[in-house]
Amino acid sequence: MRRKRNRFTYEPEIPCSDLEAKEAIKTAKEFLEIVEKNLG
């Protein structure tokens, strides 16, 4: 994900697919759930 974010930041003319975006959001939500569980 870091590479894709970096590419998007410096080469925004290269879009990501809908599937990639949805998977990134899903992964972020899962990560936040784990963080919240460990903090609470």
Protein backbone atom coordinates (compact mmCIF):
# COMPACT_ATOMS: atom_id res chain seq x y z
CA MET A 1 0.00 0.00 0.00
CA ARG A 2 2.83 2.39 0.77
CA ARG A 3 4.15 2.08 -2.78
CA LYS A 4 0.72 2.66 -4.27
CA ARG A 5 0.13 5.72 -2.06
CA ASN A 6 3.52 7.08 -3.01
CA ARG A 7 2.84 6.51 -6.71
CA PHE A 8 -0.55 8.21 -6.39
CA THR A 9 1.02 11.19 -4.59
CA TYR A 10 3.74 11.75 -7.19
CA GLU A 11 2.01 10.37 -10.29
CA PRO A 12 -1.71 11.14 -9.83
CA GLU A 13 -2.42 10.56 -13.51
CA ILE A 14 -2.08 6.80 -12.84
CA PRO A 15 -5.37 5.91 -11.11
CA CYS A 16 -6.06 2.90 -8.93
CA SER A 17 -8.93 0.59 -9.72
CA ASP A 18 -12.21 0.52 -7.82
CA LEU A 19 -11.27 -2.90 -6.49
CA GLU A 20 -7.93 -1.64 -5.16
CA ALA A 21 -9.64 1.30 -3.47
CA LYS A 22 -12.29 -0.92 -1.88
CA GLU A 23 -9.66 -3.39 -0.66
CA ALA A 24 -7.60 -0.55 0.81
CA ILE A 25 -10.63 0.77 2.70
CA LYS A 26 -11.45 -2.73 3.96
CA THR A 27 -7.87 -3.23 5.17
CA ALA A 28 -7.87 0.18 6.87
CA LYS A 29 -11.12 -0.62 8.70
CA GLU A 30 -9.74 -3.97 9.87
CA PHE A 31 -6.58 -2.25 11.09
CA LEU A 32 -8.58 0.36 13.00
CA GLU A 33 -10.68 -2.35 14.65
CA ILE A 34 -7.52 -4.08 15.87
CA VAL A 35 -6.07 -0.80 17.17
CA GLU A 36 -9.30 0.11 18.96
CA LYS A 37 -9.51 -3.34 20.52
CA ASN A 38 -5.95 -3.07 21.84
CA LEU A 39 -6.40 0.47 23.15
CA GLY A 40 -9.70 -0.15 24.87
